[in-house]
Every structure is written in structure tokens, then in C-alpha cells.
């Protein structure tokens, strides 16, 4: 199973017990990972304005990113290269390069 499929499977597992609106919340979680809703309080406000429960969406984000912890550490250790090479290597391995970079940045700067 590719890493992308594993990622999707993790998302499905995380959502299995959530009733109603699963597709919309999952899309919002992926959008949060991309940075579409901002961070911190800005994200909470934006999610509420869009009709989402910020705690539910953040829980999904956390579940989705849990599978990316190891690859983020591998990225920091240089196992995927740098710049465009890193992006291509991550994509080839089935990862969302932007989501991985977001997690790396979070680990490095928080």
C-alpha cells in the first residue's frame, strides 16, 4: 500500500466514529494542513465562520498528521534531499510535500 493510501486510510479510520458531515470536515482538515484557514485563533474563527466545529477539525488534522511524524523527522535528517528534489522525492513516495513541510516547520519553530 502506498504512503498516500495509508494516509487516506488513517483519515478514514479517524473518521469512522464521526457522525455526519464527514466529507466536509475531512476536506476542511486537509485545507487546514495546507494553511487555507490560517493558524491559532485565526483558524478557529475561520472554521466557525465556515460552519465547522474547530475542535473536530483540529482533531482530524492531528490524526492525519500523526502518520507524517516519521517522514518529517526523515526530512529534517536530509533523507529526501532539499528544495525541488525533496518535493519530488516526497511526492514519488506518496506524501503531500506541502503537508510534510508544514509539519517540519512546526517541529523546527515551535
PDB file of N, CA and C in Angstrom:
ATOM      1  N   UNK A   1       0.854  -1.175   0.000  1.00  0.00           N
ATOM      2  CA  UNK A   1       0.000   0.000   0.000  1.00  0.00           C
ATOM      3  C   UNK A   1       0.896   1.234   0.000  1.00  0.00           C
ATOM      4  N   UNK A   2       0.613   2.182  -0.911  1.00  0.00           N
ATOM      5  CA  UNK A   2       1.413   3.401  -0.970  1.00  0.00           C
ATOM      6  C   UNK A   2       1.186   4.247   0.279  1.00  0.00           C
ATOM      7  N   UNK A   3       2.130   5.131   0.548  1.00  0.00           N
ATOM      8  CA  UNK A   3       2.002   6.012   1.719  1.00  0.00           C
ATOM      9  C   UNK A   3       0.768   6.905   1.588  1.00  0.00           C
ATOM     10  N   UNK A   4       0.456   7.324   0.361  1.00  0.00           N
ATOM     11  CA  UNK A   4      -0.729   8.163   0.154  1.00  0.00           C
ATOM     12  C   UNK A   4      -1.986   7.391   0.543  1.00  0.00           C
ATOM     13  N   UNK A   5      -2.036   6.119   0.149  1.00  0.00           N
ATOM     14  CA  UNK A   5      -3.190   5.296   0.506  1.00  0.00           C
ATOM     15  C   UNK A   5      -3.228   5.069   2.014  1.00  0.00           C
ATOM     16  N   UNK A   6      -2.052   4.888   2.641  1.00  0.00           N
ATOM     17  CA  UNK A   6      -2.004   4.738   4.094  1.00  0.00           C
ATOM     18  C   UNK A   6      -2.549   5.993   4.760  1.00  0.00           C
ATOM     19  N   UNK A   7      -2.168   7.155   4.224  1.00  0.00           N
ATOM     20  CA  UNK A   7      -2.623   8.433   4.746  1.00  0.00           C
ATOM     21  C   UNK A   7      -4.137   8.518   4.657  1.00  0.00           C
ATOM     22  N   UNK A   8      -4.687   8.146   3.490  1.00  0.00           N
ATOM     23  CA  UNK A   8      -6.136   8.173   3.312  1.00  0.00           C
ATOM     24  C   UNK A   8      -6.809   7.169   4.240  1.00  0.00           C
ATOM     25  N   UNK A   9      -6.183   6.013   4.436  1.00  0.00           N
ATOM     26  CA  UNK A   9      -6.737   5.001   5.328  1.00  0.00           C
ATOM     27  C   UNK A   9      -6.754   5.498   6.767  1.00  0.00           C
ATOM     28  N   UNK A  10      -5.680   6.173   7.182  1.00  0.00           N
ATOM     29  CA  UNK A  10      -5.648   6.771   8.518  1.00  0.00           C
ATOM     30  C   UNK A  10      -6.792   7.759   8.679  1.00  0.00           C
ATOM     31  N   UNK A  11      -7.015   8.547   7.644  1.00  0.00           N
ATOM     32  CA  UNK A  11      -8.099   9.526   7.689  1.00  0.00           C
ATOM     33  C   UNK A  11      -9.442   8.820   7.815  1.00  0.00           C
ATOM     34  N   UNK A  12      -9.627   7.761   7.031  1.00  0.00           N
ATOM     35  CA  UNK A  12     -10.886   7.015   7.104  1.00  0.00           C
ATOM     36  C   UNK A  12     -11.084   6.422   8.491  1.00  0.00           C
ATOM     37  N   UNK A  13     -10.026   5.853   9.054  1.00  0.00           N
ATOM     38  CA  UNK A  13     -10.111   5.277  10.395  1.00  0.00           C
ATOM     39  C   UNK A  13     -10.459   6.335  11.429  1.00  0.00           C
ATOM     40  N   UNK A  14      -9.823   7.485  11.303  1.00  0.00           N
ATOM     41  CA  UNK A  14     -10.059   8.565  12.259  1.00  0.00           C
ATOM     42  C   UNK A  14     -11.500   9.057  12.174  1.00  0.00           C
ATOM     43  N   UNK A  15     -12.073   8.959  10.989  1.00  0.00           N
ATOM     44  CA  UNK A  15     -13.425   9.464  10.777  1.00  0.00           C
ATOM     45  C   UNK A  15     -14.512   8.430  11.016  1.00  0.00           C
ATOM     46  N   UNK A  16     -14.126   7.191  11.216  1.00  0.00           N
ATOM     47  CA  UNK A  16     -15.105   6.111  11.308  1.00  0.00           C
ATOM     48  C   UNK A  16     -16.153   6.348  12.384  1.00  0.00           C
ATOM     49  N   UNK A  17     -15.772   6.982  13.488  1.00  0.00           N
ATOM     50  CA  UNK A  17     -16.722   7.182  14.577  1.00  0.00           C
ATOM     51  C   UNK A  17     -17.389   8.551  14.552  1.00  0.00           C
ATOM     52  N   UNK A  18     -17.089   9.348  13.565  1.00  0.00           N
ATOM     53  CA  UNK A  18     -17.671  10.685  13.473  1.00  0.00           C
ATOM     54  C   UNK A  18     -18.968  10.606  12.685  1.00  0.00           C
ATOM     55  N   UNK A  19     -20.044  11.129  13.249  1.00  0.00           N
ATOM     56  CA  UNK A  19     -21.343  11.056  12.579  1.00  0.00           C
ATOM     57  C   UNK A  19     -21.613  12.327  11.781  1.00  0.00           C
ATOM     58  N   UNK A  20     -22.029  12.180  10.541  1.00  0.00           N
ATOM     59  CA  UNK A  20     -22.474  13.297   9.720  1.00  0.00           C
ATOM     60  C   UNK A  20     -21.397  14.277   9.322  1.00  0.00           C
ATOM     61  N   UNK A  21     -21.497  14.819   8.130  1.00  0.00           N
ATOM     62  CA  UNK A  21     -20.599  15.851   7.661  1.00  0.00           C
ATOM     63  C   UNK A  21     -19.157  15.425   7.515  1.00  0.00           C
ATOM     64  N   UNK A  22     -18.913  14.130   7.441  1.00  0.00           N
ATOM     65  CA  UNK A  22     -17.542  13.629   7.423  1.00  0.00           C
ATOM     66  C   UNK A  22     -16.762  14.191   6.250  1.00  0.00           C
ATOM     67  N   UNK A  23     -17.322  14.173   5.088  1.00  0.00           N
ATOM     68  CA  UNK A  23     -16.605  14.627   3.910  1.00  0.00           C
ATOM     69  C   UNK A  23     -16.222  16.096   4.032  1.00  0.00           C
ATOM     70  N   UNK A  24     -17.138  16.925   4.466  1.00  0.00           N
ATOM     71  CA  UNK A  24     -16.854  18.351   4.606  1.00  0.00           C
ATOM     72  C   UNK A  24     -15.779  18.593   5.657  1.00  0.00           C
ATOM     73  N   UNK A  25     -15.862  17.906   6.792  1.00  0.00           N
ATOM     74  CA  UNK A  25     -14.861  18.096   7.850  1.00  0.00           C
ATOM     75  C   UNK A  25     -13.494  17.608   7.408  1.00  0.00           C
ATOM     76  N   UNK A  26     -13.463  16.484   6.687  1.00  0.00           N
ATOM     77  CA  UNK A  26     -12.181  15.966   6.206  1.00  0.00           C
ATOM     78  C   UNK A  26     -11.557  16.935   5.217  1.00  0.00           C
ATOM     79  N   UNK A  27     -12.373  17.481   4.326  1.00  0.00           N
ATOM     80  CA  UNK A  27     -11.858  18.485   3.386  1.00  0.00           C
ATOM     81  C   UNK A  27     -11.334  19.699   4.137  1.00  0.00           C
ATOM     82  N   UNK A  28     -12.038  20.110   5.189  1.00  0.00           N
ATOM     83  CA  UNK A  28     -11.581  21.248   5.993  1.00  0.00           C
ATOM     84  C   UNK A  28     -10.264  20.925   6.684  1.00  0.00           C
ATOM     85  N   UNK A  29     -10.109  19.683   7.151  1.00  0.00           N
ATOM     86  CA  UNK A  29      -8.859  19.281   7.806  1.00  0.00           C
ATOM     87  C   UNK A  29      -7.688  19.356   6.825  1.00  0.00           C
ATOM     88  N   UNK A  30      -7.896  18.828   5.608  1.00  0.00           N
ATOM     89  CA  UNK A  30      -6.839  18.922   4.598  1.00  0.00           C
ATOM     90  C   UNK A  30      -6.539  20.394   4.273  1.00  0.00           C
ATOM     91  N   UNK A  31      -7.571  21.223   4.213  1.00  0.00           N
ATOM     92  CA  UNK A  31      -7.373  22.647   3.950  1.00  0.00           C
ATOM     93  C   UNK A  31      -6.573  23.300   5.080  1.00  0.00           C
ATOM     94  N   UNK A  32      -6.821  22.890   6.313  1.00  0.00           N
ATOM     95  CA  UNK A  32      -6.047  23.417   7.442  1.00  0.00           C
ATOM     96  C   UNK A  32      -4.580  23.032   7.318  1.00  0.00           C
ATOM     97  N   UNK A  33      -4.331  21.807   6.922  1.00  0.00           N
ATOM     98  CA  UNK A  33      -2.947  21.347   6.750  1.00  0.00           C
ATOM     99  C   UNK A  33      -2.251  22.177   5.678  1.00  0.00           C
ATOM    100  N   UNK A  34      -2.980  22.534   4.632  1.00  0.00           N
ATOM    101  CA  UNK A  34      -2.402  23.376   3.575  1.00  0.00           C
ATOM    102  C   UNK A  34      -2.226  24.823   4.031  1.00  0.00           C
ATOM    103  N   UNK A  35      -2.882  25.188   5.141  1.00  0.00           N
ATOM    104  CA  UNK A  35      -2.786  26.559   5.633  1.00  0.00           C
ATOM    105  C   UNK A  35      -3.903  27.466   5.170  1.00  0.00           C
ATOM    106  N   UNK A  36      -4.924  26.897   4.541  1.00  0.00           N
ATOM    107  CA  UNK A  36      -6.008  27.708   3.983  1.00  0.00           C
ATOM    108  C   UNK A  36      -6.814  28.465   5.038  1.00  0.00           C
ATOM    109  N   UNK A  37      -6.843  27.980   6.267  1.00  0.00           N
ATOM    110  CA  UNK A  37      -7.632  28.622   7.325  1.00  0.00           C
ATOM    111  C   UNK A  37      -6.759  29.379   8.322  1.00  0.00           C
ATOM    112  N   UNK A  38      -5.484  29.541   8.033  1.00  0.00           N
ATOM    113  CA  UNK A  38      -4.588  30.237   8.952  1.00  0.00           C
ATOM    114  C   UNK A  38      -4.180  29.343  10.113  1.00  0.00           C
ATOM    115  N   UNK A  39      -3.751  29.968  11.205  1.00  0.00           N
ATOM    116  CA  UNK A  39      -3.293  29.239  12.388  1.00  0.00           C
ATOM    117  C   UNK A  39      -3.896  29.845  13.647  1.00  0.00           C
ATOM    118  N   UNK A  40      -3.872  29.072  14.719  1.00  0.00           N
ATOM    119  CA  UNK A  40      -4.303  29.568  16.021  1.00  0.00           C
ATOM    120  C   UNK A  40      -5.726  30.088  16.018  1.00  0.00           C
ATOM    121  N   UNK A  41      -5.912  31.221  16.679  1.00  0.00           N
ATOM    122  CA  UNK A  41      -7.243  31.815  16.807  1.00  0.00           C
ATOM    123  C   UNK A  41      -7.833  32.187  15.456  1.00  0.00           C
ATOM    124  N   UNK A  42      -6.976  32.606  14.531  1.00  0.00           N
ATOM    125  CA  UNK A  42      -7.440  32.924  13.174  1.00  0.00           C
ATOM    126  C   UNK A  42      -8.118  31.700  12.549  1.00  0.00           C
ATOM    127  N   UNK A  43      -7.523  30.516  12.751  1.00  0.00           N
ATOM    128  CA  UNK A  43      -8.099  29.277  12.220  1.00  0.00           C
ATOM    129  C   UNK A  43      -9.435  28.978  12.885  1.00  0.00           C
ATOM    130  N   UNK A  44      -9.498  29.120  14.194  1.00  0.00           N
ATOM    131  CA  UNK A  44     -10.734  28.846  14.935  1.00  0.00           C
ATOM    132  C   UNK A  44     -11.867  29.718  14.389  1.00  0.00           C
ATOM    133  N   UNK A  45     -11.596  31.001  14.242  1.00  0.00           N
ATOM    134  CA  UNK A  45     -12.614  31.941  13.750  1.00  0.00           C
ATOM    135  C   UNK A  45     -13.024  31.586  12.324  1.00  0.00           C
ATOM    136  N   UNK A  46     -12.041  31.318  11.462  1.00  0.00           N
ATOM    137  CA  UNK A  46     -12.338  30.999  10.061  1.00  0.00           C
ATOM    138  C   UNK A  46     -13.151  29.713   9.944  1.00  0.00           C
ATOM    139  N   UNK A  47     -12.805  28.708  10.741  1.00  0.00           N
ATOM    140  CA  UNK A  47     -13.559  27.450  10.701  1.00  0.00           C
ATOM    141  C   UNK A  47     -14.992  27.654  11.183  1.00  0.00           C
ATOM    142  N   UNK A  48     -15.160  28.417  12.261  1.00  0.00           N
ATOM    143  CA  UNK A  48     -16.524  28.690  12.758  1.00  0.00           C
ATOM    144  C   UNK A  48     -17.336  29.435  11.716  1.00  0.00           C
ATOM    145  N   UNK A  49     -16.725  30.436  11.083  1.00  0.00           N
ATOM    146  CA  UNK A  49     -17.436  31.199  10.048  1.00  0.00           C
ATOM    147  C   UNK A  49     -17.847  30.317   8.880  1.00  0.00           C
ATOM    148  N   UNK A  50     -17.036  29.284   8.619  1.00  0.00           N
ATOM    149  CA  UNK A  50     -17.345  28.355   7.522  1.00  0.00           C
ATOM    150  C   UNK A  50     -18.324  27.268   7.958  1.00  0.00           C
ATOM    151  N   UNK A  51     -18.734  27.308   9.246  1.00  0.00           N
ATOM    152  CA  UNK A  51     -19.729  26.358   9.731  1.00  0.00           C
ATOM    153  C   UNK A  51     -19.168  25.071  10.305  1.00  0.00           C
ATOM    154  N   UNK A  52     -17.871  25.049  10.619  1.00  0.00           N
ATOM    155  CA  UNK A  52     -17.237  23.849  11.162  1.00  0.00           C
ATOM    156  C   UNK A  52     -17.005  23.967  12.661  1.00  0.00           C
ATOM    157  N   UNK A  53     -16.935  22.823  13.323  1.00  0.00           N
ATOM    158  CA  UNK A  53     -16.541  22.748  14.723  1.00  0.00           C
ATOM    159  C   UNK A  53     -15.016  22.710  14.735  1.00  0.00           C
ATOM    160  N   UNK A  54     -14.352  23.784  15.200  1.00  0.00           N
ATOM    161  CA  UNK A  54     -12.887  23.846  15.161  1.00  0.00           C
ATOM    162  C   UNK A  54     -12.212  22.693  15.909  1.00  0.00           C
ATOM    163  N   UNK A  55     -12.807  22.238  17.017  1.00  0.00           N
ATOM    164  CA  UNK A  55     -12.198  21.140  17.776  1.00  0.00           C
ATOM    165  C   UNK A  55     -12.248  19.833  16.993  1.00  0.00           C
ATOM    166  N   UNK A  56     -13.349  19.581  16.311  1.00  0.00           N
ATOM    167  CA  UNK A  56     -13.470  18.377  15.495  1.00  0.00           C
ATOM    168  C   UNK A  56     -12.456  18.413  14.353  1.00  0.00           C
ATOM    169  N   UNK A  57     -12.396  19.536  13.661  1.00  0.00           N
ATOM    170  CA  UNK A  57     -11.473  19.653  12.526  1.00  0.00           C
ATOM    171  C   UNK A  57     -10.031  19.529  13.007  1.00  0.00           C
ATOM    172  N   UNK A  58      -9.683  20.159  14.126  1.00  0.00           N
ATOM    173  CA  UNK A  58      -8.312  20.064  14.634  1.00  0.00           C
ATOM    174  C   UNK A  58      -7.980  18.631  15.036  1.00  0.00           C
ATOM    175  N   UNK A  59      -8.955  17.918  15.580  1.00  0.00           N
ATOM    176  CA  UNK A  59      -8.735  16.509  15.907  1.00  0.00           C
ATOM    177  C   UNK A  59      -8.420  15.694  14.664  1.00  0.00           C
ATOM    178  N   UNK A  60      -9.112  15.990  13.576  1.00  0.00           N
ATOM    179  CA  UNK A  60      -8.846  15.310  12.310  1.00  0.00           C
ATOM    180  C   UNK A  60      -7.468  15.669  11.781  1.00  0.00           C
ATOM    181  N   UNK A  61      -7.122  16.946  11.876  1.00  0.00           N
ATOM    182  CA  UNK A  61      -5.781  17.383  11.452  1.00  0.00           C
ATOM    183  C   UNK A  61      -4.718  16.616  12.231  1.00  0.00           C
ATOM    184  N   UNK A  62      -4.894  16.540  13.538  1.00  0.00           N
ATOM    185  CA  UNK A  62      -3.920  15.833  14.374  1.00  0.00           C
ATOM    186  C   UNK A  62      -3.810  14.369  13.975  1.00  0.00           C
ATOM    187  N   UNK A  63      -4.939  13.726  13.703  1.00  0.00           N
ATOM    188  CA  UNK A  63      -4.941  12.321  13.293  1.00  0.00           C
ATOM    189  C   UNK A  63      -4.244  12.143  11.949  1.00  0.00           C
ATOM    190  N   UNK A  64      -4.526  13.047  11.027  1.00  0.00           N
ATOM    191  CA  UNK A  64      -3.910  12.953   9.706  1.00  0.00           C
ATOM    192  C   UNK A  64      -2.398  13.143   9.769  1.00  0.00           C
ATOM    193  N   UNK A  65      -1.962  14.102  10.571  1.00  0.00           N
ATOM    194  CA  UNK A  65      -0.527  14.396  10.645  1.00  0.00           C
ATOM    195  C   UNK A  65       0.254  13.377  11.464  1.00  0.00           C
ATOM    196  N   UNK A  66      -0.418  12.598  12.290  1.00  0.00           N
ATOM    197  CA  UNK A  66       0.279  11.608  13.118  1.00  0.00           C
ATOM    198  C   UNK A  66       1.090  10.652  12.249  1.00  0.00           C
ATOM    199  N   UNK A  67       0.576  10.287  11.092  1.00  0.00           N
ATOM    200  CA  UNK A  67       1.291   9.402  10.187  1.00  0.00           C
ATOM    201  C   UNK A  67       2.479  10.057   9.509  1.00  0.00           C
ATOM    202  N   UNK A  68       2.571  11.350   9.593  1.00  0.00           N
ATOM    203  CA  UNK A  68       3.637  12.091   8.941  1.00  0.00           C
ATOM    204  C   UNK A  68       4.812  12.386   9.869  1.00  0.00           C
ATOM    205  N   UNK A  69       4.689  12.057  11.144  1.00  0.00           N
ATOM    206  CA  UNK A  69       5.761  12.359  12.094  1.00  0.00           C
ATOM    207  C   UNK A  69       7.104  11.781  11.668  1.00  0.00           C
ATOM    208  N   UNK A  70       7.113  10.509  11.298  1.00  0.00           N
ATOM    209  CA  UNK A  70       8.377   9.859  10.941  1.00  0.00           C
ATOM    210  C   UNK A  70       8.973  10.476   9.689  1.00  0.00           C
ATOM    211  N   UNK A  71       8.158  10.711   8.680  1.00  0.00           N
ATOM    212  CA  UNK A  71       8.692  11.283   7.442  1.00  0.00           C
ATOM    213  C   UNK A  71       9.214  12.698   7.681  1.00  0.00           C
ATOM    214  N   UNK A  72       8.581  13.456   8.583  1.00  0.00           N
ATOM    215  CA  UNK A  72       9.077  14.801   8.896  1.00  0.00           C
ATOM    216  C   UNK A  72      10.469  14.721   9.513  1.00  0.00           C
ATOM    217  N   UNK A  73      10.675  13.762  10.392  1.00  0.00           N
ATOM    218  CA  UNK A  73      11.995  13.584  11.001  1.00  0.00           C
ATOM    219  C   UNK A  73      13.005  13.153   9.941  1.00  0.00           C
ATOM    220  N   UNK A  74      12.591  12.272   9.033  1.00  0.00           N
ATOM    221  CA  UNK A  74      13.468  11.861   7.935  1.00  0.00           C
ATOM    222  C   UNK A  74      13.845  13.060   7.068  1.00  0.00           C
ATOM    223  N   UNK A  75      12.885  13.949   6.814  1.00  0.00           N
ATOM    224  CA  UNK A  75      13.154  15.165   6.034  1.00  0.00           C
ATOM    225  C   UNK A  75      14.193  16.025   6.756  1.00  0.00           C
ATOM    226  N   UNK A  76      14.019  16.196   8.056  1.00  0.00           N
ATOM    227  CA  UNK A  76      14.978  17.009   8.819  1.00  0.00           C
ATOM    228  C   UNK A  76      16.368  16.383   8.830  1.00  0.00           C
ATOM    229  N   UNK A  77      16.429  15.068   8.690  1.00  0.00           N
ATOM    230  CA  UNK A  77      17.715  14.373   8.636  1.00  0.00           C
ATOM    231  C   UNK A  77      18.267  14.290   7.215  1.00  0.00           C
ATOM    232  N   UNK A  78      17.592  14.917   6.263  1.00  0.00           N
ATOM    233  CA  UNK A  78      18.091  15.003   4.894  1.00  0.00           C
ATOM    234  C   UNK A  78      17.836  13.797   4.016  1.00  0.00           C
ATOM    235  N   UNK A  79      16.999  12.886   4.446  1.00  0.00           N
ATOM    236  CA  UNK A  79      16.790  11.648   3.686  1.00  0.00           C
ATOM    237  C   UNK A  79      16.021  11.846   2.385  1.00  0.00           C
ATOM    238  N   UNK A  80      15.375  12.984   2.215  1.00  0.00           N
ATOM    239  CA  UNK A  80      14.622  13.234   0.989  1.00  0.00           C
ATOM    240  C   UNK A  80      15.234  14.340   0.138  1.00  0.00           C
ATOM    241  N   UNK A  81      16.414  14.825   0.512  1.00  0.00           N
ATOM    242  CA  UNK A  81      17.057  15.897  -0.238  1.00  0.00           C
ATOM    243  C   UNK A  81      16.557  17.260   0.196  1.00  0.00           C
ATOM    244  N   UNK A  82      16.752  18.243  -0.666  1.00  0.00           N
ATOM    245  CA  UNK A  82      16.357  19.623  -0.380  1.00  0.00           C
ATOM    246  C   UNK A  82      15.640  20.228  -1.577  1.00  0.00           C
ATOM    247  N   UNK A  83      14.858  21.270  -1.308  1.00  0.00           N
ATOM    248  CA  UNK A  83      14.201  22.027  -2.370  1.00  0.00           C
ATOM    249  C   UNK A  83      13.306  21.175  -3.251  1.00  0.00           C
ATOM    250  N   UNK A  84      13.436  21.399  -4.564  1.00  0.00           N
ATOM    251  CA  UNK A  84      12.609  20.695  -5.547  1.00  0.00           C
ATOM    252  C   UNK A  84      12.854  19.192  -5.475  1.00  0.00           C
ATOM    253  N   UNK A  85      14.100  18.799  -5.260  1.00  0.00           N
ATOM    254  CA  UNK A  85      14.418  17.376  -5.139  1.00  0.00           C
ATOM    255  C   UNK A  85      13.607  16.747  -4.001  1.00  0.00           C
ATOM    256  N   UNK A  86      13.521  17.443  -2.875  1.00  0.00           N
ATOM    257  CA  UNK A  86      12.742  16.940  -1.738  1.00  0.00           C
ATOM    258  C   UNK A  86      11.271  16.800  -2.104  1.00  0.00           C
ATOM    259  N   UNK A  87      10.724  17.829  -2.724  1.00  0.00           N
ATOM    260  CA  UNK A  87       9.316  17.786  -3.115  1.00  0.00           C
ATOM    261  C   UNK A  87       9.032  16.607  -4.035  1.00  0.00           C
ATOM    262  N   UNK A  88       9.891  16.421  -5.017  1.00  0.00           N
ATOM    263  CA  UNK A  88       9.700  15.312  -5.962  1.00  0.00           C
ATOM    264  C   UNK A  88       9.838  13.959  -5.273  1.00  0.00           C
ATOM    265  N   UNK A  89      10.835  13.828  -4.399  1.00  0.00           N
ATOM    266  CA  UNK A  89      11.036  12.566  -3.686  1.00  0.00           C
ATOM    267  C   UNK A  89       9.856  12.257  -2.759  1.00  0.00           C
ATOM    268  N   UNK A  90       9.333  13.278  -2.086  1.00  0.00           N
ATOM    269  CA  UNK A  90       8.175  13.071  -1.214  1.00  0.00           C
ATOM    270  C   UNK A  90       6.948  12.671  -2.028  1.00  0.00           C
ATOM    271  N   UNK A  91       6.731  13.355  -3.139  1.00  0.00           N
ATOM    272  CA  UNK A  91       5.596  13.027  -3.996  1.00  0.00           C
ATOM    273  C   UNK A  91       5.726  11.613  -4.555  1.00  0.00           C
ATOM    274  N   UNK A  92       6.932  11.251  -4.970  1.00  0.00           N
ATOM    275  CA  UNK A  92       7.177   9.913  -5.501  1.00  0.00           C
ATOM    276  C   UNK A  92       6.886   8.844  -4.445  1.00  0.00           C
ATOM    277  N   UNK A  93       7.156   9.178  -3.178  1.00  0.00           N
ATOM    278  CA  UNK A  93       6.901   8.244  -2.077  1.00  0.00           C
ATOM    279  C   UNK A  93       5.439   8.268  -1.634  1.00  0.00           C
ATOM    280  N   UNK A  94       4.622   9.149  -2.238  1.00  0.00           N
ATOM    281  CA  UNK A  94       3.200   9.174  -1.933  1.00  0.00           C
ATOM    282  C   UNK A  94       2.797  10.171  -0.859  1.00  0.00           C
ATOM    283  N   UNK A  95       3.699  11.082  -0.490  1.00  0.00           N
ATOM    284  CA  UNK A  95       3.395  12.068   0.538  1.00  0.00           C
ATOM    285  C   UNK A  95       2.976  13.392  -0.077  1.00  0.00           C
ATOM    286  N   UNK A  96       2.197  14.152   0.647  1.00  0.00           N
ATOM    287  CA  UNK A  96       1.862  15.525   0.283  1.00  0.00           C
ATOM    288  C   UNK A  96       3.024  16.383   0.778  1.00  0.00           C
ATOM    289  N   UNK A  97       3.846  16.852  -0.147  1.00  0.00           N
ATOM    290  CA  UNK A  97       5.059  17.588   0.216  1.00  0.00           C
ATOM    291  C   UNK A  97       4.752  18.836   1.042  1.00  0.00           C
ATOM    292  N   UNK A  98       3.659  19.513   0.728  1.00  0.00           N
ATOM    293  CA  UNK A  98       3.306  20.711   1.488  1.00  0.00           C
ATOM    294  C   UNK A  98       2.920  20.376   2.923  1.00  0.00           C
ATOM    295  N   UNK A  99       2.179  19.289   3.113  1.00  0.00           N
ATOM    296  CA  UNK A  99       1.789  18.872   4.465  1.00  0.00           C
ATOM    297  C   UNK A  99       3.020  18.479   5.274  1.00  0.00           C
ATOM    298  N   UNK A 100       3.946  17.769   4.633  1.00  0.00           N
ATOM    299  CA  UNK A 100       5.183  17.383   5.328  1.00  0.00           C
ATOM    300  C   UNK A 100       5.964  18.630   5.716  1.00  0.00           C
ATOM    301  N   UNK A 101       6.097  19.586   4.797  1.00  0.00           N
ATOM    302  CA  UNK A 101       6.853  20.798   5.097  1.00  0.00           C
ATOM    303  C   UNK A 101       6.193  21.601   6.212  1.00  0.00           C
ATOM    304  N   UNK A 102       4.865  21.636   6.227  1.00  0.00           N
ATOM    305  CA  UNK A 102       4.155  22.322   7.307  1.00  0.00           C
ATOM    306  C   UNK A 102       4.507  21.704   8.652  1.00  0.00           C
ATOM    307  N   UNK A 103       4.529  20.377   8.706  1.00  0.00           N
ATOM    308  CA  UNK A 103       4.876  19.687   9.949  1.00  0.00           C
ATOM    309  C   UNK A 103       6.332  19.924  10.319  1.00  0.00           C
ATOM    310  N   UNK A 104       7.226  19.873   9.357  1.00  0.00           N
ATOM    311  CA  UNK A 104       8.649  20.148   9.621  1.00  0.00           C
ATOM    312  C   UNK A 104       8.803  21.547  10.200  1.00  0.00           C
ATOM    313  N   UNK A 105       8.150  22.524   9.591  1.00  0.00           N
ATOM    314  CA  UNK A 105       8.230  23.904  10.083  1.00  0.00           C
ATOM    315  C   UNK A 105       7.714  23.997  11.512  1.00  0.00           C
ATOM    316  N   UNK A 106       6.616  23.299  11.787  1.00  0.00           N
ATOM    317  CA  UNK A 106       6.039  23.319  13.131  1.00  0.00           C
ATOM    318  C   UNK A 106       7.037  22.729  14.142  1.00  0.00           C
ATOM    319  N   UNK A 107       7.642  21.624  13.792  1.00  0.00           N
ATOM    320  CA  UNK A 107       8.606  20.984  14.687  1.00  0.00           C
ATOM    321  C   UNK A 107       9.821  21.894  14.890  1.00  0.00           C
ATOM    322  N   UNK A 108      10.302  22.486  13.826  1.00  0.00           N
ATOM    323  CA  UNK A 108      11.527  23.298  13.890  1.00  0.00           C
ATOM    324  C   UNK A 108      11.314  24.615  14.650  1.00  0.00           C
ATOM    325  N   UNK A 109      10.151  25.215  14.523  1.00  0.00           N
ATOM    326  CA  UNK A 109       9.974  26.569  15.042  1.00  0.00           C
ATOM    327  C   UNK A 109       9.063  26.665  16.248  1.00  0.00           C
ATOM    328  N   UNK A 110       8.542  25.551  16.742  1.00  0.00           N
ATOM    329  CA  UNK A 110       7.670  25.604  17.935  1.00  0.00           C
ATOM    330  C   UNK A 110       8.242  24.820  19.067  1.00  0.00           C
TER     331      UNK A 110
END
